N, C-alpha and C. Protein backbone atom coordinates (compact mmCIF):
# COMPACT_ATOMS: atom_id res chain seq x y z
N UNK A 1 0.82 -1.19 0.00
CA UNK A 1 0.00 0.00 0.00
C UNK A 1 0.86 1.26 0.00
N UNK A 2 1.94 1.22 0.77
CA UNK A 2 2.82 2.38 0.88
C UNK A 2 3.47 2.69 -0.47
N UNK A 3 3.89 1.65 -1.21
CA UNK A 3 4.50 1.84 -2.52
C UNK A 3 3.50 2.44 -3.51
N UNK A 4 2.26 1.98 -3.42
CA UNK A 4 1.22 2.50 -4.30
C UNK A 4 0.97 3.98 -4.02
N UNK A 5 0.93 4.36 -2.77
CA UNK A 5 0.73 5.75 -2.39
C UNK A 5 1.89 6.63 -2.89
N UNK A 6 3.10 6.13 -2.77
CA UNK A 6 4.28 6.87 -3.23
C UNK A 6 4.23 7.04 -4.75
N UNK A 7 3.73 6.07 -5.45
CA UNK A 7 3.64 6.15 -6.92
C UNK A 7 2.52 7.09 -7.37
N UNK A 8 1.43 7.12 -6.64
CA UNK A 8 0.27 7.91 -7.04
C UNK A 8 0.35 9.36 -6.57
N UNK A 9 0.97 9.62 -5.44
CA UNK A 9 1.03 10.96 -4.87
C UNK A 9 1.57 12.02 -5.83
N UNK A 10 2.67 11.78 -6.55
CA UNK A 10 3.14 12.80 -7.50
C UNK A 10 2.12 13.12 -8.59
N UNK A 11 1.36 12.15 -9.01
CA UNK A 11 0.34 12.39 -10.03
C UNK A 11 -0.74 13.35 -9.51
N UNK A 12 -1.15 13.17 -8.27
CA UNK A 12 -2.12 14.07 -7.66
C UNK A 12 -1.57 15.49 -7.53
N UNK A 13 -0.33 15.58 -7.12
CA UNK A 13 0.29 16.89 -6.97
C UNK A 13 0.40 17.62 -8.31
N UNK A 14 0.79 16.90 -9.35
CA UNK A 14 0.89 17.52 -10.67
C UNK A 14 -0.48 17.94 -11.21
N UNK A 15 -1.47 17.13 -10.95
CA UNK A 15 -2.81 17.45 -11.44
C UNK A 15 -3.42 18.62 -10.68
N UNK A 16 -3.02 18.80 -9.44
CA UNK A 16 -3.61 19.83 -8.60
C UNK A 16 -3.05 21.22 -8.89
N UNK A 17 -1.83 21.30 -9.39
CA UNK A 17 -1.21 22.61 -9.62
C UNK A 17 -1.03 22.84 -11.12
N UNK A 18 -1.79 23.75 -11.67
CA UNK A 18 -1.64 24.02 -13.09
C UNK A 18 -0.29 24.70 -13.36
N UNK A 19 0.22 24.47 -14.52
CA UNK A 19 1.52 25.02 -14.89
C UNK A 19 1.32 26.44 -15.42
N UNK A 20 1.45 27.43 -14.54
CA UNK A 20 1.25 28.82 -14.93
C UNK A 20 2.28 29.24 -15.97
N UNK A 21 3.53 28.89 -15.72
CA UNK A 21 4.59 29.25 -16.66
C UNK A 21 4.35 28.60 -18.01
N UNK A 22 3.83 27.38 -18.01
CA UNK A 22 3.54 26.69 -19.27
C UNK A 22 2.51 27.46 -20.09
N UNK A 23 1.44 27.91 -19.41
CA UNK A 23 0.40 28.63 -20.15
C UNK A 23 0.92 29.98 -20.64
N UNK A 24 1.80 30.62 -19.86
CA UNK A 24 2.38 31.88 -20.30
C UNK A 24 3.30 31.69 -21.50
N UNK A 25 4.09 30.62 -21.46
CA UNK A 25 4.96 30.33 -22.60
C UNK A 25 4.14 30.04 -23.85
N UNK A 26 3.04 29.33 -23.67
CA UNK A 26 2.15 29.03 -24.81
C UNK A 26 1.53 30.32 -25.34
N UNK A 27 1.12 31.20 -24.44
CA UNK A 27 0.52 32.47 -24.86
C UNK A 27 1.54 33.29 -25.65
N UNK A 28 2.78 33.34 -25.16
CA UNK A 28 3.82 34.09 -25.88
C UNK A 28 4.07 33.49 -27.27
N UNK A 29 4.20 32.18 -27.33
CA UNK A 29 4.47 31.54 -28.63
C UNK A 29 3.31 31.72 -29.60
N UNK A 30 2.08 31.58 -29.10
CA UNK A 30 0.91 31.77 -29.97
C UNK A 30 0.86 33.21 -30.45
N UNK A 31 1.14 34.16 -29.58
CA UNK A 31 1.14 35.57 -29.96
C UNK A 31 2.17 35.83 -31.04
N UNK A 32 3.37 35.35 -30.82
CA UNK A 32 4.44 35.59 -31.79
C UNK A 32 4.19 34.91 -33.13
N UNK A 33 3.65 33.70 -33.09
CA UNK A 33 3.43 32.98 -34.35
C UNK A 33 2.18 33.49 -35.07
N UNK A 34 1.06 33.46 -34.37
CA UNK A 34 -0.20 33.80 -35.05
C UNK A 34 -0.36 35.30 -35.31
N UNK A 35 -0.08 36.11 -34.31
CA UNK A 35 -0.32 37.54 -34.45
C UNK A 35 0.85 38.21 -35.17
N UNK A 36 2.05 38.09 -34.61
CA UNK A 36 3.20 38.80 -35.18
C UNK A 36 3.59 38.27 -36.55
N UNK A 37 3.67 36.97 -36.68
CA UNK A 37 4.14 36.40 -37.96
C UNK A 37 3.04 36.30 -39.01
N UNK A 38 1.87 35.84 -38.60
CA UNK A 38 0.79 35.58 -39.55
C UNK A 38 -0.22 36.72 -39.67
N UNK A 39 -0.25 37.62 -38.69
CA UNK A 39 -1.23 38.71 -38.70
C UNK A 39 -2.63 38.25 -38.35
N UNK A 40 -2.75 37.14 -37.63
CA UNK A 40 -4.04 36.57 -37.24
C UNK A 40 -4.54 37.27 -35.97
N UNK A 41 -5.46 38.20 -36.15
CA UNK A 41 -5.93 39.01 -35.03
C UNK A 41 -6.87 38.26 -34.09
N UNK A 42 -7.28 37.07 -34.46
CA UNK A 42 -8.15 36.29 -33.57
C UNK A 42 -7.38 35.81 -32.33
N UNK A 43 -6.07 35.93 -32.35
CA UNK A 43 -5.24 35.45 -31.24
C UNK A 43 -4.67 36.58 -30.39
N UNK A 44 -5.18 37.80 -30.53
CA UNK A 44 -4.59 38.91 -29.75
C UNK A 44 -4.81 38.74 -28.25
N UNK A 45 -5.77 37.92 -27.86
CA UNK A 45 -5.97 37.63 -26.44
C UNK A 45 -4.74 36.98 -25.82
N UNK A 46 -4.03 36.18 -26.61
CA UNK A 46 -2.80 35.55 -26.14
C UNK A 46 -1.74 36.62 -25.86
N UNK A 47 -1.68 37.62 -26.73
CA UNK A 47 -0.72 38.71 -26.56
C UNK A 47 -1.06 39.52 -25.31
N UNK A 48 -2.33 39.77 -25.10
CA UNK A 48 -2.77 40.53 -23.93
C UNK A 48 -2.45 39.78 -22.64
N UNK A 49 -2.70 38.49 -22.64
CA UNK A 49 -2.41 37.68 -21.46
C UNK A 49 -0.92 37.77 -21.11
N UNK A 50 -0.08 37.64 -22.11
CA UNK A 50 1.36 37.70 -21.87
C UNK A 50 1.80 39.11 -21.48
N UNK A 51 1.24 40.12 -22.13
CA UNK A 51 1.57 41.51 -21.80
C UNK A 51 1.18 41.83 -20.36
N UNK A 52 0.01 41.39 -19.94
CA UNK A 52 -0.43 41.63 -18.56
C UNK A 52 0.53 40.99 -17.56
N UNK A 53 0.95 39.78 -17.86
CA UNK A 53 1.91 39.10 -16.98
C UNK A 53 3.20 39.91 -16.89
N UNK A 54 3.73 40.34 -18.03
CA UNK A 54 4.96 41.11 -18.04
C UNK A 54 4.79 42.41 -17.26
N UNK A 55 3.69 43.08 -17.48
CA UNK A 55 3.42 44.34 -16.78
C UNK A 55 3.36 44.12 -15.27
N UNK A 56 2.66 43.08 -14.86
CA UNK A 56 2.51 42.79 -13.42
C UNK A 56 3.82 42.38 -12.77
N UNK A 57 4.76 41.88 -13.56
CA UNK A 57 6.07 41.50 -13.03
C UNK A 57 7.12 42.58 -13.31
N UNK A 58 6.65 43.74 -13.73
CA UNK A 58 7.48 44.94 -13.93
C UNK A 58 8.52 44.80 -15.05
N UNK A 59 8.17 44.03 -16.06
CA UNK A 59 9.00 43.94 -17.26
C UNK A 59 8.30 44.83 -18.30
N UNK A 60 8.37 46.14 -18.03
CA UNK A 60 7.54 47.10 -18.75
C UNK A 60 7.89 47.26 -20.22
N UNK A 61 9.15 47.27 -20.56
CA UNK A 61 9.53 47.46 -21.95
C UNK A 61 8.98 46.36 -22.85
N UNK A 62 9.17 45.15 -22.43
CA UNK A 62 8.66 44.02 -23.20
C UNK A 62 7.13 44.01 -23.19
N UNK A 63 6.53 44.40 -22.08
CA UNK A 63 5.07 44.47 -22.00
C UNK A 63 4.53 45.46 -23.02
N UNK A 64 5.24 46.57 -23.21
CA UNK A 64 4.79 47.58 -24.17
C UNK A 64 4.67 46.97 -25.57
N UNK A 65 5.65 46.16 -25.96
CA UNK A 65 5.61 45.52 -27.28
C UNK A 65 4.41 44.58 -27.39
N UNK A 66 4.19 43.78 -26.37
CA UNK A 66 3.09 42.82 -26.43
C UNK A 66 1.72 43.52 -26.35
N UNK A 67 1.66 44.67 -25.71
CA UNK A 67 0.41 45.44 -25.76
C UNK A 67 0.16 45.97 -27.17
N UNK A 68 1.22 46.33 -27.87
CA UNK A 68 1.04 46.74 -29.27
C UNK A 68 0.50 45.56 -30.08
N UNK A 69 1.05 44.38 -29.85
CA UNK A 69 0.57 43.20 -30.56
C UNK A 69 -0.86 42.86 -30.18
N UNK A 70 -1.26 43.22 -28.97
CA UNK A 70 -2.62 42.97 -28.50
C UNK A 70 -3.60 44.06 -28.94
N UNK A 71 -3.10 44.99 -29.74
CA UNK A 71 -3.90 46.11 -30.24
C UNK A 71 -4.40 47.00 -29.10
N UNK A 72 -3.51 47.24 -28.15
CA UNK A 72 -3.80 48.13 -27.02
C UNK A 72 -2.71 49.19 -26.93
N UNK A 73 -2.70 50.13 -27.88
CA UNK A 73 -1.62 51.13 -27.89
C UNK A 73 -1.58 52.03 -26.66
N UNK A 74 -2.72 52.31 -26.05
CA UNK A 74 -2.70 53.15 -24.84
C UNK A 74 -1.97 52.44 -23.70
N UNK A 75 -2.21 51.15 -23.57
CA UNK A 75 -1.50 50.37 -22.54
C UNK A 75 -0.02 50.27 -22.89
N UNK A 76 0.30 50.22 -24.19
CA UNK A 76 1.70 50.17 -24.63
C UNK A 76 2.42 51.45 -24.19
N UNK A 77 1.75 52.57 -24.33
CA UNK A 77 2.34 53.85 -23.92
C UNK A 77 2.56 53.86 -22.41
N UNK A 78 1.56 53.42 -21.67
CA UNK A 78 1.67 53.38 -20.21
C UNK A 78 2.85 52.50 -19.77
N UNK A 79 2.93 51.30 -20.33
CA UNK A 79 4.03 50.39 -19.97
C UNK A 79 5.36 50.96 -20.44
N UNK A 80 5.38 51.53 -21.64
CA UNK A 80 6.61 52.09 -22.18
C UNK A 80 7.16 53.22 -21.34
N UNK A 81 6.30 54.07 -20.84
CA UNK A 81 6.75 55.18 -20.00
C UNK A 81 7.33 54.67 -18.68
N UNK A 82 6.76 53.62 -18.14
CA UNK A 82 7.33 53.02 -16.93
C UNK A 82 8.70 52.40 -17.25
N UNK A 83 8.83 51.82 -18.44
CA UNK A 83 10.11 51.24 -18.85
C UNK A 83 11.18 52.33 -18.97
N UNK A 84 10.80 53.49 -19.47
CA UNK A 84 11.76 54.59 -19.60
C UNK A 84 12.26 55.03 -18.23
N UNK A 85 11.40 55.01 -17.24
CA UNK A 85 11.83 55.38 -15.87
C UNK A 85 12.86 54.38 -15.34
N UNK A 86 12.84 53.18 -15.91
CA UNK A 86 13.80 52.15 -15.50
C UNK A 86 15.00 52.11 -16.46
N UNK A 87 15.13 53.16 -17.27
CA UNK A 87 16.27 53.32 -18.20
C UNK A 87 16.26 52.30 -19.35
N UNK A 88 15.08 51.83 -19.72
CA UNK A 88 14.94 50.93 -20.86
C UNK A 88 14.63 51.79 -22.09
N UNK A 89 15.69 52.39 -22.65
CA UNK A 89 15.52 53.37 -23.72
C UNK A 89 14.87 52.81 -24.98
N UNK A 90 14.98 51.52 -25.21
CA UNK A 90 14.37 50.93 -26.40
C UNK A 90 12.85 51.08 -26.41
N UNK A 91 12.26 51.32 -25.25
CA UNK A 91 10.80 51.49 -25.16
C UNK A 91 10.33 52.73 -25.91
N UNK A 92 11.25 53.66 -26.20
CA UNK A 92 10.88 54.83 -27.00
C UNK A 92 10.28 54.41 -28.35
N UNK A 93 10.81 53.33 -28.92
CA UNK A 93 10.28 52.85 -30.20
C UNK A 93 8.82 52.45 -30.07
N UNK A 94 8.49 51.71 -29.03
CA UNK A 94 7.13 51.22 -28.84
C UNK A 94 6.16 52.36 -28.53
N UNK A 95 6.63 53.31 -27.73
CA UNK A 95 5.78 54.47 -27.42
C UNK A 95 5.54 55.27 -28.69
N UNK A 96 6.59 55.52 -29.45
CA UNK A 96 6.45 56.26 -30.70
C UNK A 96 5.50 55.57 -31.67
N UNK A 97 5.64 54.27 -31.79
CA UNK A 97 4.75 53.50 -32.68
C UNK A 97 3.31 53.59 -32.19
N UNK A 98 3.12 53.51 -30.89
CA UNK A 98 1.76 53.58 -30.33
C UNK A 98 1.13 54.94 -30.62
N UNK A 99 1.91 56.01 -30.46
CA UNK A 99 1.38 57.34 -30.77
C UNK A 99 1.07 57.47 -32.26
N UNK A 100 1.89 56.88 -33.11
CA UNK A 100 1.61 56.94 -34.54
C UNK A 100 0.32 56.17 -34.86
N UNK A 101 0.14 55.05 -34.23
CA UNK A 101 -1.09 54.26 -34.41
C UNK A 101 -2.31 55.08 -33.99
N UNK A 102 -2.13 55.88 -32.93
CA UNK A 102 -3.23 56.71 -32.44
C UNK A 102 -3.29 58.05 -33.17
N UNK A 103 -2.48 58.20 -34.21
CA UNK A 103 -2.47 59.36 -35.10
C UNK A 103 -2.00 60.65 -34.42
N UNK A 104 -1.13 60.53 -33.43
CA UNK A 104 -0.50 61.69 -32.81
C UNK A 104 0.94 61.75 -33.33
N UNK A 105 1.09 62.35 -34.49
CA UNK A 105 2.39 62.34 -35.17
C UNK A 105 3.45 63.15 -34.43
N UNK A 106 3.05 64.20 -33.75
CA UNK A 106 4.03 65.01 -33.03
C UNK A 106 4.67 64.21 -31.89
N UNK A 107 3.85 63.53 -31.10
CA UNK A 107 4.40 62.72 -30.01
C UNK A 107 5.13 61.50 -30.57
N UNK A 108 4.63 60.93 -31.65
CA UNK A 108 5.31 59.80 -32.29
C UNK A 108 6.71 60.21 -32.70
N UNK A 109 6.82 61.37 -33.32
CA UNK A 109 8.12 61.88 -33.76
C UNK A 109 9.06 62.07 -32.57
N UNK A 110 8.55 62.65 -31.49
CA UNK A 110 9.36 62.89 -30.30
C UNK A 110 9.99 61.60 -29.78
N UNK A 111 9.19 60.56 -29.63
CA UNK A 111 9.69 59.30 -29.07
C UNK A 111 10.52 58.52 -30.07
N UNK A 112 10.14 58.54 -31.33
CA UNK A 112 10.93 57.82 -32.33
C UNK A 112 12.30 58.45 -32.51
N UNK A 113 12.38 59.76 -32.40
CA UNK A 113 13.68 60.42 -32.51
C UNK A 113 14.54 60.14 -31.28
N UNK A 114 13.93 60.06 -30.12
CA UNK A 114 14.68 59.67 -28.91
C UNK A 114 15.23 58.26 -29.07
N UNK A 115 14.42 57.39 -29.63
CA UNK A 115 14.87 56.02 -29.87
C UNK A 115 16.07 56.01 -30.81
N UNK A 116 15.93 56.72 -31.91
CA UNK A 116 17.01 56.79 -32.89
C UNK A 116 18.29 57.36 -32.27
N UNK A 117 18.14 58.41 -31.49
CA UNK A 117 19.29 59.06 -30.84
C UNK A 117 19.98 58.10 -29.86
N UNK A 118 19.21 57.36 -29.09
CA UNK A 118 19.79 56.48 -28.06
C UNK A 118 20.33 55.17 -28.63
N UNK A 119 19.75 54.70 -29.71
CA UNK A 119 20.14 53.40 -30.26
C UNK A 119 21.18 53.53 -31.36
N UNK A 120 21.12 54.60 -32.11
CA UNK A 120 22.03 54.75 -33.25
C UNK A 120 21.42 54.12 -34.49
N UNK A 121 22.07 53.09 -35.01
CA UNK A 121 21.54 52.41 -36.20
C UNK A 121 20.41 51.48 -35.77
N UNK A 122 19.21 51.94 -35.95
CA UNK A 122 18.03 51.24 -35.45
C UNK A 122 17.37 50.34 -36.49
N UNK A 123 17.92 50.28 -37.68
CA UNK A 123 17.26 49.53 -38.76
C UNK A 123 17.01 48.07 -38.40
N UNK A 124 17.94 47.47 -37.69
CA UNK A 124 17.78 46.07 -37.30
C UNK A 124 16.49 45.87 -36.50
N UNK A 125 16.21 46.79 -35.60
CA UNK A 125 15.02 46.68 -34.75
C UNK A 125 13.76 47.10 -35.49
N UNK A 126 13.82 48.28 -36.09
CA UNK A 126 12.59 48.86 -36.64
C UNK A 126 12.11 48.15 -37.90
N UNK A 127 13.00 47.62 -38.72
CA UNK A 127 12.53 47.00 -39.96
C UNK A 127 11.62 45.82 -39.66
N UNK A 128 11.95 45.02 -38.71
CA UNK A 128 11.12 43.88 -38.33
C UNK A 128 9.87 44.33 -37.57
N UNK A 129 10.07 45.19 -36.58
CA UNK A 129 8.94 45.63 -35.75
C UNK A 129 7.90 46.39 -36.56
N UNK A 130 8.35 47.29 -37.41
CA UNK A 130 7.42 48.08 -38.22
C UNK A 130 6.66 47.21 -39.21
N UNK A 131 7.33 46.19 -39.75
CA UNK A 131 6.64 45.27 -40.68
C UNK A 131 5.53 44.51 -39.94
N UNK A 132 5.82 44.09 -38.73
CA UNK A 132 4.82 43.38 -37.92
C UNK A 132 3.64 44.30 -37.63
N UNK A 133 3.92 45.52 -37.22
CA UNK A 133 2.83 46.46 -36.92
C UNK A 133 2.01 46.77 -38.17
N UNK A 134 2.66 46.78 -39.31
CA UNK A 134 1.94 46.99 -40.57
C UNK A 134 0.96 45.87 -40.87
N UNK A 135 1.29 44.64 -40.45
CA UNK A 135 0.36 43.51 -40.65
C UNK A 135 -0.82 43.57 -39.70
N UNK A 136 -0.59 44.13 -38.52
CA UNK A 136 -1.62 44.12 -37.49
C UNK A 136 -2.55 45.34 -37.59
N UNK A 137 -1.96 46.48 -37.88
CA UNK A 137 -2.73 47.74 -37.96
C UNK A 137 -2.81 48.17 -39.41
N UNK A 138 -4.01 48.21 -39.95
CA UNK A 138 -4.20 48.57 -41.36
C UNK A 138 -3.65 49.95 -41.71
N UNK A 139 -3.74 50.87 -40.77
CA UNK A 139 -3.32 52.24 -41.08
C UNK A 139 -1.92 52.58 -40.55
N UNK A 140 -1.15 51.59 -40.12
CA UNK A 140 0.23 51.86 -39.69
C UNK A 140 1.09 52.00 -40.94
N UNK A 141 1.73 53.14 -41.06
CA UNK A 141 2.55 53.43 -42.23
C UNK A 141 4.02 53.33 -41.85
N UNK A 142 4.65 52.26 -42.27
CA UNK A 142 6.05 52.00 -41.96
C UNK A 142 6.96 53.12 -42.46
N UNK A 143 6.69 53.62 -43.64
CA UNK A 143 7.51 54.70 -44.20
C UNK A 143 7.35 56.00 -43.41
N UNK A 144 6.14 56.26 -42.96
CA UNK A 144 5.91 57.45 -42.12
C UNK A 144 6.68 57.32 -40.81
N UNK A 145 6.66 56.14 -40.21
CA UNK A 145 7.39 55.93 -38.96
C UNK A 145 8.89 56.16 -39.18
N UNK A 146 9.43 55.66 -40.26
CA UNK A 146 10.85 55.85 -40.56
C UNK A 146 11.16 57.33 -40.80
N UNK A 147 10.25 58.02 -41.49
CA UNK A 147 10.44 59.44 -41.75
C UNK A 147 10.45 60.25 -40.46
N UNK A 148 9.57 59.92 -39.55
CA UNK A 148 9.47 60.63 -38.28
C UNK A 148 10.72 60.43 -37.41
N UNK A 149 11.43 59.35 -37.63
CA UNK A 149 12.64 59.09 -36.85
C UNK A 149 13.78 60.03 -37.23
N UNK A 150 13.77 60.49 -38.47
CA UNK A 150 14.84 61.38 -38.93
C UNK A 150 14.63 62.79 -38.39
N UNK A 151 15.71 63.45 -38.10
CA UNK A 151 15.62 64.84 -37.60
C UNK A 151 15.44 65.81 -38.72
């Protein structure tokens, strides 16, 4: 009887505790594959779930990106500004993109230029990110974003 209990007990423990990290990893992968790569907006809930987790654990810069993928540019700005307070200068890109999505070109320009100034050659980052945002947001203009980055 004791051997049977020892064999069964781990199964009960595993069944009783859901794998939170597993579901978060799945949400991130689904967001990146379906939303970012394929442009499938039916999966933006996965992006929001992951963004909320990042925000709640104070990983604000990364949360800002996932809020953009979740089509929540206001939350992206909020998270991005918190990231800037933590010296995560790359968040300027996400804030600028969010303002451009919300059609505030003046603020978009301000943040995109700060990003360009702090990063230097930003093409590696922006070419991929802007292409993704172009798939998700019908009115996101990649060329306008690049133009606003120049002084």
